[in-house]
Amino acid sequence: MAVKVVDPVTAESKRSARPDKTPNGPRAKKHPISDAVLLSVRQRALFDLWLACRNGKPMPARQDVDVLDLKPWLGDLHMLKAEGDGSDFRYLIFGTNIAQYIGREMTGKLMSEAPEPRLAALTIASYRRVWQTGIPHLIKRPSVVTGFRVQQAVRDYLVLPLGEDGVRVNRLMVLLELHRLGNATSDFVEFFPLDGKTAAYAHSVVDLEREFYPETPTGHP
């Protein structure tokens, strides 16, 4: 059965108009960590859908999420499958908006096949945190965006685990959002677990790259 999805912008407007308190006390929030890490309207709506599809399990299975419910995010949404011990990931679906933006289609390909080995290593190491723990994460990392001019940007990845038995991860659903900022430089990737229990943490870019290229001191070829 499909889960009813409310338009994210409309939902945000309604939330903003509602008082923080009700006659019976403070209004309960759906998930405490979401406001703390400042999920965007689109991220929050997808995260709420993921929560609703769990049906009491730690995570939903792929078949628990109706593809029609994913329509508001499909252009920016990746679906990945872990290879082996999580040392690589294969794109089952590569977001069409992202493919058009970077001029490259990656559906069916491994992340390690991307032409930017350092970027691939960094992303694989980041996704591996979600694959190992089964905890949904918001991941923020710096990157350089090339368009009419080179701009520094921060990419937000909402990484949601999926598992056939509701416990062990076998798919990752990833929503990518790009924030263009003038001087958003950083040597660290920030991880925000969305289980309401685990504290946020960070890893240096070099350390994450070294996980993929342990034989080199700098963490890249």
N, C-alpha and C. Protein backbone atom coordinates (compact mmCIF):
# COMPACT_ATOMS: atom_id res chain seq x y z
N MET A 1 0.85 -1.19 0.00
CA MET A 1 0.00 0.00 0.00
C MET A 1 0.88 1.25 0.00
N ALA A 2 0.54 2.20 -0.83
CA ALA A 2 1.34 3.42 -0.91
C ALA A 2 1.13 4.28 0.33
N VAL A 3 2.16 4.94 0.76
CA VAL A 3 2.09 5.87 1.88
C VAL A 3 1.77 7.25 1.36
N LYS A 4 0.79 7.91 1.92
CA LYS A 4 0.41 9.24 1.45
C LYS A 4 1.53 10.22 1.72
N VAL A 5 1.93 10.95 0.68
CA VAL A 5 3.00 11.94 0.79
C VAL A 5 2.42 13.33 0.60
N VAL A 6 2.66 14.20 1.55
CA VAL A 6 2.21 15.58 1.46
C VAL A 6 3.29 16.41 0.81
N ASP A 7 2.90 17.34 -0.04
CA ASP A 7 3.88 18.22 -0.68
C ASP A 7 4.77 18.86 0.38
N PRO A 8 6.11 18.75 0.26
CA PRO A 8 7.02 19.23 1.29
C PRO A 8 6.86 20.71 1.61
N VAL A 9 6.68 21.55 0.60
CA VAL A 9 6.57 23.00 0.84
C VAL A 9 5.28 23.31 1.58
N THR A 10 4.17 22.68 1.15
CA THR A 10 2.90 22.89 1.83
C THR A 10 2.97 22.42 3.27
N ALA A 11 3.60 21.28 3.48
CA ALA A 11 3.72 20.74 4.84
C ALA A 11 4.51 21.67 5.72
N GLU A 12 5.59 22.25 5.19
CA GLU A 12 6.41 23.15 5.99
C GLU A 12 5.63 24.40 6.37
N SER A 13 4.81 24.92 5.45
CA SER A 13 4.01 26.10 5.73
C SER A 13 3.02 25.83 6.85
N LYS A 14 2.41 24.65 6.82
CA LYS A 14 1.46 24.29 7.87
C LYS A 14 2.15 24.13 9.21
N ARG A 15 3.35 23.54 9.20
CA ARG A 15 4.09 23.36 10.46
C ARG A 15 4.43 24.71 11.07
N SER A 16 4.84 25.65 10.21
CA SER A 16 5.25 26.95 10.71
C SER A 16 4.09 27.70 11.32
N ALA A 17 2.85 27.42 10.80
CA ALA A 17 1.68 28.15 11.28
C ALA A 17 1.13 27.57 12.58
N ARG A 18 1.51 26.35 12.92
CA ARG A 18 0.98 25.72 14.12
C ARG A 18 1.72 26.19 15.36
N PRO A 19 1.01 26.40 16.46
CA PRO A 19 1.68 26.81 17.70
C PRO A 19 2.55 25.70 18.25
N ASP A 20 3.59 26.08 19.02
CA ASP A 20 4.47 25.10 19.63
C ASP A 20 3.79 24.36 20.78
N LYS A 21 2.72 24.97 21.32
CA LYS A 21 2.03 24.36 22.45
C LYS A 21 0.57 24.11 22.11
N THR A 22 0.00 23.08 22.70
CA THR A 22 -1.40 22.77 22.56
C THR A 22 -2.05 22.92 23.93
N PRO A 23 -3.39 22.88 24.02
CA PRO A 23 -4.04 22.98 25.34
C PRO A 23 -3.58 21.90 26.31
N ASN A 24 -3.05 20.79 25.78
CA ASN A 24 -2.63 19.69 26.65
C ASN A 24 -1.12 19.68 26.90
N GLY A 25 -0.42 20.72 26.44
CA GLY A 25 1.03 20.76 26.66
C GLY A 25 1.78 20.98 25.36
N PRO A 26 3.12 20.84 25.40
CA PRO A 26 3.93 21.06 24.20
C PRO A 26 3.56 20.09 23.08
N ARG A 27 3.64 20.60 21.85
CA ARG A 27 3.36 19.75 20.70
C ARG A 27 4.52 18.79 20.49
N ALA A 28 4.21 17.51 20.33
CA ALA A 28 5.25 16.51 20.13
C ALA A 28 5.83 16.62 18.73
N LYS A 29 7.13 16.46 18.63
CA LYS A 29 7.79 16.46 17.33
C LYS A 29 7.94 15.02 16.85
N LYS A 30 7.97 14.84 15.51
CA LYS A 30 8.05 13.50 14.94
C LYS A 30 9.37 12.82 15.25
N HIS A 31 10.46 13.60 15.20
CA HIS A 31 11.77 13.00 15.41
C HIS A 31 12.70 14.09 15.89
N PRO A 32 13.25 13.98 17.10
CA PRO A 32 13.99 15.10 17.71
C PRO A 32 15.26 15.49 16.98
N ILE A 33 15.93 14.55 16.33
CA ILE A 33 17.21 14.88 15.73
C ILE A 33 17.06 15.73 14.48
N SER A 34 15.89 15.67 13.83
CA SER A 34 15.73 16.35 12.55
C SER A 34 15.92 17.86 12.67
N ASP A 35 15.31 18.48 13.66
CA ASP A 35 15.46 19.92 13.82
C ASP A 35 16.87 20.28 14.25
N ALA A 36 17.51 19.41 15.03
CA ALA A 36 18.83 19.70 15.55
C ALA A 36 19.87 19.80 14.44
N VAL A 37 19.74 19.01 13.40
CA VAL A 37 20.72 19.03 12.32
C VAL A 37 20.21 19.82 11.11
N LEU A 38 19.06 20.47 11.26
CA LEU A 38 18.56 21.36 10.23
C LEU A 38 18.36 20.66 8.89
N LEU A 39 17.60 19.59 8.90
CA LEU A 39 17.21 18.97 7.65
C LEU A 39 16.40 19.96 6.83
N SER A 40 16.64 19.98 5.53
CA SER A 40 15.85 20.84 4.66
C SER A 40 14.43 20.31 4.58
N VAL A 41 13.53 21.08 3.99
CA VAL A 41 12.15 20.66 3.85
C VAL A 41 12.06 19.35 3.05
N ARG A 42 12.80 19.26 1.96
CA ARG A 42 12.77 18.05 1.12
C ARG A 42 13.39 16.86 1.85
N GLN A 43 14.48 17.09 2.57
CA GLN A 43 15.11 16.01 3.32
C GLN A 43 14.19 15.50 4.41
N ARG A 44 13.58 16.42 5.12
CA ARG A 44 12.69 16.04 6.23
C ARG A 44 11.50 15.22 5.72
N ALA A 45 10.95 15.63 4.57
CA ALA A 45 9.80 14.91 4.02
C ALA A 45 10.18 13.49 3.63
N LEU A 46 11.36 13.30 3.03
CA LEU A 46 11.80 11.96 2.66
C LEU A 46 12.12 11.13 3.90
N PHE A 47 12.74 11.76 4.89
CA PHE A 47 13.05 11.06 6.13
C PHE A 47 11.76 10.61 6.83
N ASP A 48 10.73 11.46 6.82
CA ASP A 48 9.44 11.09 7.42
C ASP A 48 8.81 9.92 6.67
N LEU A 49 8.96 9.90 5.34
CA LEU A 49 8.44 8.79 4.55
C LEU A 49 9.17 7.49 4.92
N TRP A 50 10.49 7.57 5.04
CA TRP A 50 11.30 6.40 5.44
C TRP A 50 10.85 5.88 6.80
N LEU A 51 10.63 6.78 7.75
CA LEU A 51 10.17 6.39 9.08
C LEU A 51 8.82 5.68 9.00
N ALA A 52 7.91 6.23 8.19
CA ALA A 52 6.56 5.68 8.09
C ALA A 52 6.56 4.28 7.46
N CYS A 53 7.54 4.02 6.59
CA CYS A 53 7.59 2.73 5.88
C CYS A 53 8.24 1.62 6.70
N ARG A 54 8.79 1.94 7.87
CA ARG A 54 9.50 0.92 8.65
C ARG A 54 8.56 -0.13 9.24
N ASN A 55 7.34 0.26 9.54
CA ASN A 55 6.36 -0.66 10.11
C ASN A 55 6.89 -1.38 11.35
N GLY A 56 7.52 -0.62 12.24
CA GLY A 56 8.02 -1.18 13.49
C GLY A 56 9.39 -1.81 13.40
N LYS A 57 9.99 -1.86 12.22
CA LYS A 57 11.31 -2.44 12.05
C LYS A 57 12.38 -1.34 12.10
N PRO A 58 13.64 -1.71 12.31
CA PRO A 58 14.71 -0.70 12.31
C PRO A 58 14.82 0.07 11.00
N MET A 59 14.46 -0.59 9.88
CA MET A 59 14.51 0.07 8.57
C MET A 59 13.53 -0.62 7.64
N PRO A 60 13.02 0.07 6.63
CA PRO A 60 12.13 -0.58 5.68
C PRO A 60 12.90 -1.42 4.67
N ALA A 61 12.23 -2.35 4.03
CA ALA A 61 12.78 -3.04 2.88
C ALA A 61 12.48 -2.21 1.63
N ARG A 62 13.18 -2.52 0.55
CA ARG A 62 12.95 -1.76 -0.68
C ARG A 62 11.48 -1.84 -1.10
N GLN A 63 10.87 -3.02 -1.00
CA GLN A 63 9.48 -3.17 -1.43
C GLN A 63 8.49 -2.47 -0.52
N ASP A 64 8.92 -2.04 0.66
CA ASP A 64 8.05 -1.29 1.56
C ASP A 64 7.85 0.16 1.10
N VAL A 65 8.75 0.63 0.23
CA VAL A 65 8.70 2.02 -0.23
C VAL A 65 8.15 2.04 -1.66
N ASP A 66 6.95 2.58 -1.82
CA ASP A 66 6.32 2.64 -3.14
C ASP A 66 7.03 3.68 -4.00
N VAL A 67 7.41 3.29 -5.21
CA VAL A 67 8.16 4.20 -6.07
C VAL A 67 7.34 5.45 -6.40
N LEU A 68 6.01 5.34 -6.40
CA LEU A 68 5.18 6.51 -6.66
C LEU A 68 5.32 7.55 -5.56
N ASP A 69 5.57 7.09 -4.34
CA ASP A 69 5.75 8.01 -3.23
C ASP A 69 7.08 8.76 -3.33
N LEU A 70 8.02 8.23 -4.10
CA LEU A 70 9.34 8.85 -4.24
C LEU A 70 9.39 9.90 -5.34
N LYS A 71 8.28 10.13 -6.03
CA LYS A 71 8.26 11.03 -7.18
C LYS A 71 8.84 12.42 -6.88
N PRO A 72 8.56 13.05 -5.71
CA PRO A 72 9.11 14.39 -5.48
C PRO A 72 10.62 14.46 -5.43
N TRP A 73 11.30 13.30 -5.28
CA TRP A 73 12.76 13.31 -5.10
C TRP A 73 13.52 12.57 -6.20
N LEU A 74 12.83 11.93 -7.12
CA LEU A 74 13.47 10.97 -8.03
C LEU A 74 14.66 11.55 -8.79
N GLY A 75 14.60 12.78 -9.25
CA GLY A 75 15.70 13.34 -10.03
C GLY A 75 16.99 13.50 -9.26
N ASP A 76 16.90 13.58 -7.93
CA ASP A 76 18.08 13.78 -7.09
C ASP A 76 18.35 12.58 -6.19
N LEU A 77 17.76 11.44 -6.53
CA LEU A 77 17.82 10.27 -5.66
C LEU A 77 18.65 9.16 -6.30
N HIS A 78 19.58 8.62 -5.51
CA HIS A 78 20.36 7.45 -5.92
C HIS A 78 19.86 6.23 -5.14
N MET A 79 19.93 5.05 -5.78
CA MET A 79 19.71 3.79 -5.08
C MET A 79 20.96 2.95 -5.30
N LEU A 80 21.59 2.48 -4.21
CA LEU A 80 22.84 1.75 -4.32
C LEU A 80 22.77 0.41 -3.62
N LYS A 81 23.60 -0.50 -4.11
CA LYS A 81 23.76 -1.82 -3.51
C LYS A 81 25.22 -2.01 -3.12
N ALA A 82 25.45 -2.51 -1.90
CA ALA A 82 26.83 -2.74 -1.45
C ALA A 82 27.41 -3.96 -2.16
N GLU A 83 28.68 -3.86 -2.49
CA GLU A 83 29.41 -4.97 -3.10
C GLU A 83 30.31 -5.60 -2.03
N GLY A 84 30.18 -6.92 -1.86
CA GLY A 84 31.03 -7.64 -0.92
C GLY A 84 30.89 -7.12 0.50
N ASP A 85 32.00 -6.70 1.07
CA ASP A 85 32.02 -6.25 2.46
C ASP A 85 31.79 -4.75 2.59
N GLY A 86 31.19 -4.14 1.58
CA GLY A 86 30.96 -2.71 1.61
C GLY A 86 32.16 -1.90 1.14
N SER A 87 33.09 -2.58 0.47
CA SER A 87 34.27 -1.88 -0.03
C SER A 87 33.96 -1.07 -1.28
N ASP A 88 32.78 -1.27 -1.85
CA ASP A 88 32.35 -0.50 -3.01
C ASP A 88 30.83 -0.54 -3.07
N PHE A 89 30.25 0.34 -3.86
CA PHE A 89 28.81 0.38 -4.02
C PHE A 89 28.47 0.52 -5.50
N ARG A 90 27.38 -0.15 -5.90
CA ARG A 90 26.93 -0.09 -7.29
C ARG A 90 25.64 0.73 -7.38
N TYR A 91 25.60 1.64 -8.35
CA TYR A 91 24.41 2.44 -8.56
C TYR A 91 23.34 1.61 -9.26
N LEU A 92 22.28 1.27 -8.56
CA LEU A 92 21.13 0.64 -9.19
C LEU A 92 20.30 1.69 -9.91
N ILE A 93 20.22 2.87 -9.32
CA ILE A 93 19.58 4.03 -9.93
C ILE A 93 20.47 5.23 -9.66
N PHE A 94 20.75 6.00 -10.70
CA PHE A 94 21.53 7.23 -10.55
C PHE A 94 20.61 8.40 -10.89
N GLY A 95 20.50 9.37 -9.98
CA GLY A 95 19.57 10.48 -10.15
C GLY A 95 19.74 11.19 -11.48
N THR A 96 18.64 11.36 -12.21
CA THR A 96 18.72 11.96 -13.54
C THR A 96 19.19 13.41 -13.50
N ASN A 97 18.77 14.16 -12.48
CA ASN A 97 19.22 15.55 -12.38
C ASN A 97 20.73 15.61 -12.16
N ILE A 98 21.25 14.70 -11.35
CA ILE A 98 22.68 14.68 -11.08
C ILE A 98 23.44 14.27 -12.35
N ALA A 99 22.91 13.28 -13.08
CA ALA A 99 23.55 12.82 -14.31
C ALA A 99 23.64 13.96 -15.33
N GLN A 100 22.57 14.74 -15.44
CA GLN A 100 22.58 15.87 -16.37
C GLN A 100 23.56 16.94 -15.93
N TYR A 101 23.64 17.16 -14.63
CA TYR A 101 24.51 18.22 -14.11
C TYR A 101 25.98 17.89 -14.32
N ILE A 102 26.36 16.65 -14.06
CA ILE A 102 27.78 16.29 -14.18
C ILE A 102 28.12 15.74 -15.57
N GLY A 103 27.09 15.51 -16.40
CA GLY A 103 27.34 15.02 -17.75
C GLY A 103 27.79 13.58 -17.80
N ARG A 104 27.29 12.77 -16.86
CA ARG A 104 27.74 11.38 -16.80
C ARG A 104 26.64 10.52 -16.18
N GLU A 105 26.33 9.39 -16.80
CA GLU A 105 25.35 8.45 -16.29
C GLU A 105 26.08 7.29 -15.62
N MET A 106 25.71 6.99 -14.37
CA MET A 106 26.42 5.96 -13.61
C MET A 106 25.53 4.77 -13.25
N THR A 107 24.29 4.72 -13.71
CA THR A 107 23.43 3.59 -13.39
C THR A 107 24.07 2.28 -13.83
N GLY A 108 24.13 1.31 -12.93
CA GLY A 108 24.73 0.01 -13.22
C GLY A 108 26.22 -0.05 -12.98
N LYS A 109 26.85 1.09 -12.70
CA LYS A 109 28.30 1.13 -12.52
C LYS A 109 28.67 1.19 -11.04
N LEU A 110 29.90 0.79 -10.75
CA LEU A 110 30.44 0.91 -9.40
C LEU A 110 30.85 2.36 -9.14
N MET A 111 30.77 2.75 -7.88
CA MET A 111 31.23 4.09 -7.52
C MET A 111 32.71 4.26 -7.83
N SER A 112 33.48 3.21 -7.66
CA SER A 112 34.92 3.27 -7.91
C SER A 112 35.25 3.48 -9.39
N GLU A 113 34.26 3.32 -10.28
CA GLU A 113 34.47 3.54 -11.70
C GLU A 113 34.38 5.00 -12.09
N ALA A 114 34.01 5.86 -11.17
CA ALA A 114 33.94 7.29 -11.47
C ALA A 114 35.33 7.81 -11.83
N PRO A 115 35.42 8.81 -12.72
CA PRO A 115 36.73 9.29 -13.17
C PRO A 115 37.50 10.09 -12.13
N GLU A 116 36.86 10.44 -10.99
CA GLU A 116 37.54 11.17 -9.94
C GLU A 116 37.81 10.21 -8.78
N PRO A 117 38.96 9.54 -8.73
CA PRO A 117 39.19 8.49 -7.73
C PRO A 117 39.14 8.99 -6.30
N ARG A 118 39.63 10.20 -6.05
CA ARG A 118 39.61 10.72 -4.67
C ARG A 118 38.19 10.98 -4.21
N LEU A 119 37.37 11.54 -5.09
CA LEU A 119 35.98 11.81 -4.76
C LEU A 119 35.23 10.51 -4.52
N ALA A 120 35.48 9.51 -5.36
CA ALA A 120 34.83 8.21 -5.18
C ALA A 120 35.23 7.57 -3.85
N ALA A 121 36.52 7.62 -3.52
CA ALA A 121 37.00 7.03 -2.27
C ALA A 121 36.37 7.71 -1.06
N LEU A 122 36.27 9.02 -1.11
CA LEU A 122 35.68 9.78 -0.01
C LEU A 122 34.22 9.42 0.19
N THR A 123 33.47 9.30 -0.91
CA THR A 123 32.05 9.00 -0.82
C THR A 123 31.81 7.56 -0.38
N ILE A 124 32.58 6.61 -0.90
CA ILE A 124 32.44 5.22 -0.49
C ILE A 124 32.68 5.07 1.02
N ALA A 125 33.74 5.69 1.51
CA ALA A 125 34.05 5.62 2.94
C ALA A 125 32.93 6.24 3.78
N SER A 126 32.31 7.29 3.27
CA SER A 126 31.22 7.95 4.00
C SER A 126 29.98 7.07 4.02
N TYR A 127 29.60 6.51 2.88
CA TYR A 127 28.42 5.65 2.80
C TYR A 127 28.59 4.40 3.66
N ARG A 128 29.83 3.96 3.78
CA ARG A 128 30.09 2.74 4.54
C ARG A 128 29.63 2.87 5.98
N ARG A 129 29.65 4.08 6.54
CA ARG A 129 29.18 4.28 7.92
C ARG A 129 27.72 3.87 8.07
N VAL A 130 26.93 4.21 7.08
CA VAL A 130 25.51 3.86 7.14
C VAL A 130 25.32 2.37 6.90
N TRP A 131 26.06 1.81 5.96
CA TRP A 131 25.96 0.39 5.65
C TRP A 131 26.36 -0.46 6.86
N GLN A 132 27.36 -0.04 7.61
CA GLN A 132 27.84 -0.81 8.76
C GLN A 132 26.92 -0.70 9.96
N THR A 133 26.35 0.49 10.19
CA THR A 133 25.58 0.73 11.41
C THR A 133 24.08 0.54 11.23
N GLY A 134 23.58 0.70 10.00
CA GLY A 134 22.15 0.65 9.78
C GLY A 134 21.43 1.89 10.28
N ILE A 135 22.19 2.94 10.59
CA ILE A 135 21.61 4.18 11.10
C ILE A 135 21.54 5.20 9.97
N PRO A 136 20.37 5.81 9.72
CA PRO A 136 20.30 6.85 8.70
C PRO A 136 21.17 8.05 9.10
N HIS A 137 21.81 8.67 8.13
CA HIS A 137 22.71 9.79 8.38
C HIS A 137 22.42 10.95 7.44
N LEU A 138 22.66 12.14 7.93
CA LEU A 138 22.86 13.31 7.08
C LEU A 138 24.36 13.54 7.05
N ILE A 139 24.93 13.52 5.85
CA ILE A 139 26.38 13.68 5.68
C ILE A 139 26.64 14.97 4.92
N LYS A 140 27.50 15.79 5.48
CA LYS A 140 27.86 17.06 4.85
C LYS A 140 29.34 17.03 4.51
N ARG A 141 29.65 17.27 3.25
CA ARG A 141 31.05 17.30 2.85
C ARG A 141 31.31 18.41 1.85
N PRO A 142 32.53 18.97 1.85
CA PRO A 142 32.86 20.01 0.87
C PRO A 142 33.18 19.39 -0.48
N SER A 143 32.94 20.12 -1.53
CA SER A 143 33.32 19.68 -2.87
C SER A 143 33.44 20.89 -3.77
N VAL A 144 34.11 20.75 -4.89
CA VAL A 144 34.24 21.83 -5.86
C VAL A 144 33.26 21.57 -6.99
N VAL A 145 32.46 22.57 -7.30
CA VAL A 145 31.47 22.46 -8.35
C VAL A 145 31.95 23.28 -9.54
N THR A 146 32.02 22.66 -10.70
CA THR A 146 32.47 23.35 -11.90
C THR A 146 31.28 23.67 -12.78
N GLY A 147 31.05 24.93 -13.01
CA GLY A 147 29.98 25.37 -13.89
C GLY A 147 30.54 26.45 -14.79
N PHE A 148 29.88 27.59 -14.81
CA PHE A 148 30.42 28.70 -15.56
C PHE A 148 31.72 29.21 -14.93
N ARG A 149 31.82 28.97 -13.64
CA ARG A 149 33.07 29.27 -12.94
C ARG A 149 33.20 28.25 -11.81
N VAL A 150 34.39 28.07 -11.34
CA VAL A 150 34.60 27.11 -10.25
C VAL A 150 34.08 27.71 -8.96
N GLN A 151 33.22 26.97 -8.28
CA GLN A 151 32.65 27.43 -7.01
C GLN A 151 32.90 26.38 -5.94
N GLN A 152 33.07 26.85 -4.73
CA GLN A 152 33.18 25.92 -3.61
C GLN A 152 31.77 25.65 -3.10
N ALA A 153 31.49 24.42 -2.75
CA ALA A 153 30.14 24.07 -2.34
C ALA A 153 30.18 23.05 -1.21
N VAL A 154 29.05 22.89 -0.55
CA VAL A 154 28.87 21.83 0.43
C VAL A 154 27.76 20.93 -0.08
N ARG A 155 28.04 19.64 -0.15
CA ARG A 155 27.03 18.69 -0.56
C ARG A 155 26.44 18.01 0.66
N ASP A 156 25.12 17.96 0.71
CA ASP A 156 24.41 17.24 1.76
C ASP A 156 23.90 15.93 1.19
N TYR A 157 24.20 14.83 1.89
CA TYR A 157 23.70 13.53 1.50
C TYR A 157 22.81 13.01 2.62
N LEU A 158 21.54 12.83 2.32
CA LEU A 158 20.65 12.13 3.25
C LEU A 158 20.71 10.66 2.85
N VAL A 159 21.34 9.83 3.69
CA VAL A 159 21.59 8.43 3.35
C VAL A 159 20.71 7.56 4.24
N LEU A 160 19.77 6.84 3.61
CA LEU A 160 18.78 6.05 4.33
C LEU A 160 18.97 4.56 4.02
N PRO A 161 19.17 3.72 5.03
CA PRO A 161 19.38 2.29 4.80
C PRO A 161 18.07 1.56 4.52
N LEU A 162 18.16 0.52 3.70
CA LEU A 162 17.05 -0.38 3.43
C LEU A 162 17.53 -1.80 3.64
N GLY A 163 16.67 -2.68 4.14
CA GLY A 163 17.06 -4.06 4.38
C GLY A 163 15.90 -5.02 4.16
N GLU A 164 16.14 -6.11 3.44
CA GLU A 164 15.07 -7.05 3.12
C GLU A 164 14.44 -7.64 4.37
N ASP A 165 15.25 -7.88 5.42
CA ASP A 165 14.70 -8.44 6.66
C ASP A 165 14.43 -7.35 7.70
N GLY A 166 14.61 -6.07 7.30
CA GLY A 166 14.36 -4.97 8.21
C GLY A 166 15.45 -4.75 9.23
N VAL A 167 16.55 -5.52 9.13
CA VAL A 167 17.63 -5.42 10.11
C VAL A 167 18.99 -5.22 9.44
N ARG A 168 19.30 -6.08 8.46
CA ARG A 168 20.59 -6.01 7.78
C ARG A 168 20.48 -5.18 6.51
N VAL A 169 21.39 -4.23 6.35
CA VAL A 169 21.33 -3.30 5.22
C VAL A 169 21.76 -4.00 3.93
N ASN A 170 20.96 -3.84 2.89
CA ASN A 170 21.38 -4.34 1.57
C ASN A 170 21.19 -3.31 0.47
N ARG A 171 20.61 -2.16 0.81
CA ARG A 171 20.45 -1.06 -0.13
C ARG A 171 20.65 0.26 0.61
N LEU A 172 21.08 1.26 -0.12
CA LEU A 172 21.12 2.62 0.41
C LEU A 172 20.33 3.52 -0.54
N MET A 173 19.48 4.33 0.04
CA MET A 173 18.73 5.34 -0.71
C MET A 173 19.31 6.70 -0.33
N VAL A 174 19.80 7.43 -1.32
CA VAL A 174 20.57 8.65 -1.05
C VAL A 174 19.95 9.83 -1.78
N LEU A 175 19.59 10.86 -1.02
CA LEU A 175 19.12 12.12 -1.59
C LEU A 175 20.26 13.13 -1.53
N LEU A 176 20.62 13.68 -2.67
CA LEU A 176 21.73 14.62 -2.74
C LEU A 176 21.20 16.04 -2.92
N GLU A 177 21.71 16.96 -2.09
CA GLU A 177 21.39 18.38 -2.24
C GLU A 177 22.69 19.16 -2.26
N LEU A 178 22.72 20.18 -3.09
CA LEU A 178 23.92 20.98 -3.29
C LEU A 178 23.67 22.40 -2.80
N HIS A 179 24.59 22.91 -1.97
CA HIS A 179 24.48 24.28 -1.46
C HIS A 179 25.69 25.08 -1.91
N ARG A 180 25.48 26.04 -2.79
CA ARG A 180 26.58 26.83 -3.28
C ARG A 180 26.88 27.98 -2.32
N LEU A 181 28.10 28.00 -1.85
CA LEU A 181 28.53 29.01 -0.89
C LEU A 181 29.84 29.62 -1.35
N GLY A 182 30.07 30.87 -1.00
CA GLY A 182 31.25 31.56 -1.48
C GLY A 182 32.56 30.97 -1.01
N ASN A 183 32.66 30.67 0.28
CA ASN A 183 33.94 30.20 0.83
C ASN A 183 33.73 29.01 1.75
N ALA A 184 33.06 28.00 1.25
CA ALA A 184 32.73 26.84 2.08
C ALA A 184 33.84 25.80 1.98
N THR A 185 34.98 26.14 2.49
CA THR A 185 36.12 25.22 2.45
C THR A 185 36.22 24.48 3.78
N SER A 186 36.59 23.22 3.70
CA SER A 186 36.73 22.43 4.91
C SER A 186 37.57 21.20 4.60
N ASP A 187 38.32 20.73 5.59
CA ASP A 187 39.09 19.50 5.45
C ASP A 187 38.40 18.33 6.12
N PHE A 188 37.14 18.53 6.51
CA PHE A 188 36.43 17.51 7.26
C PHE A 188 35.07 17.21 6.65
N VAL A 189 34.61 15.97 6.87
CA VAL A 189 33.26 15.55 6.51
C VAL A 189 32.49 15.37 7.82
N GLU A 190 31.30 15.96 7.90
CA GLU A 190 30.49 15.90 9.12
C GLU A 190 29.41 14.84 8.96
N PHE A 191 29.22 14.05 10.02
CA PHE A 191 28.23 12.97 10.02
C PHE A 191 27.21 13.24 11.12
N PHE A 192 25.93 13.24 10.75
CA PHE A 192 24.85 13.47 11.70
C PHE A 192 23.93 12.24 11.71
N PRO A 193 24.12 11.31 12.66
CA PRO A 193 23.23 10.15 12.76
C PRO A 193 21.81 10.61 13.09
N LEU A 194 20.82 9.98 12.49
CA LEU A 194 19.43 10.40 12.65
C LEU A 194 18.61 9.42 13.48
N ASP A 195 19.27 8.75 14.42
CA ASP A 195 18.56 7.81 15.28
C ASP A 195 18.12 8.44 16.59
N GLY A 196 18.46 9.70 16.80
CA GLY A 196 18.09 10.37 18.03
C GLY A 196 18.91 9.97 19.23
N LYS A 197 19.95 9.15 19.03
CA LYS A 197 20.78 8.66 20.13
C LYS A 197 22.26 8.95 19.93
N THR A 198 22.76 8.69 18.72
CA THR A 198 24.18 8.78 18.45
C THR A 198 24.60 10.22 18.19
N ALA A 199 25.70 10.64 18.83
CA ALA A 199 26.18 12.01 18.67
C ALA A 199 26.80 12.21 17.29
N ALA A 200 26.73 13.45 16.81
CA ALA A 200 27.37 13.81 15.55
C ALA A 200 28.88 13.67 15.67
N TYR A 201 29.55 13.42 14.55
CA TYR A 201 31.00 13.27 14.56
C TYR A 201 31.55 13.73 13.22
N ALA A 202 32.85 13.77 13.09
CA ALA A 202 33.49 14.22 11.86
C ALA A 202 34.76 13.41 11.61
N HIS A 203 35.13 13.29 10.34
CA HIS A 203 36.37 12.66 9.93
C HIS A 203 37.07 13.57 8.93
N SER A 204 38.38 13.57 8.95
CA SER A 204 39.11 14.37 7.97
C SER A 204 38.98 13.72 6.60
N VAL A 205 39.06 14.55 5.57
CA VAL A 205 39.00 14.06 4.20
C VAL A 205 40.12 13.06 3.93
N VAL A 206 41.32 13.36 4.42
CA VAL A 206 42.47 12.48 4.20
C VAL A 206 42.25 11.12 4.84
N ASP A 207 41.72 11.09 6.06
CA ASP A 207 41.51 9.81 6.74
C ASP A 207 40.48 8.95 6.00
N LEU A 208 39.43 9.59 5.48
CA LEU A 208 38.42 8.85 4.75
C LEU A 208 38.98 8.31 3.43
N GLU A 209 39.78 9.11 2.76
CA GLU A 209 40.40 8.64 1.52
C GLU A 209 41.36 7.49 1.80
N ARG A 210 42.06 7.55 2.93
CA ARG A 210 43.04 6.52 3.29
C ARG A 210 42.35 5.17 3.54
N GLU A 211 41.09 5.18 3.94
CA GLU A 211 40.36 3.93 4.10
C GLU A 211 40.27 3.17 2.78
N PHE A 212 40.17 3.91 1.69
CA PHE A 212 40.05 3.28 0.38
C PHE A 212 41.41 3.01 -0.24
N TYR A 213 42.38 3.88 0.06
CA TYR A 213 43.74 3.73 -0.46
C TYR A 213 44.72 3.63 0.71
N PRO A 214 44.65 2.56 1.52
CA PRO A 214 45.48 2.47 2.73
C PRO A 214 46.97 2.35 2.43
N GLU A 215 47.32 1.98 1.20
CA GLU A 215 48.73 1.77 0.89
C GLU A 215 49.49 3.07 0.64
N THR A 216 48.76 4.20 0.55
CA THR A 216 49.42 5.48 0.27
C THR A 216 49.30 6.40 1.48
N PRO A 217 50.33 7.12 1.86
CA PRO A 217 50.30 7.98 3.06
C PRO A 217 49.32 9.13 2.95
N THR A 218 49.03 9.60 1.73
CA THR A 218 48.14 10.75 1.57
C THR A 218 46.69 10.34 1.41
N GLY A 219 46.45 9.02 1.23
CA GLY A 219 45.07 8.56 1.11
C GLY A 219 44.53 8.61 -0.32
N HIS A 220 45.37 8.78 -1.31
CA HIS A 220 44.91 8.78 -2.71
C HIS A 220 46.08 8.39 -3.60
N PRO A 221 45.78 7.94 -4.83
CA PRO A 221 46.85 7.47 -5.71
C PRO A 221 47.84 8.56 -6.06
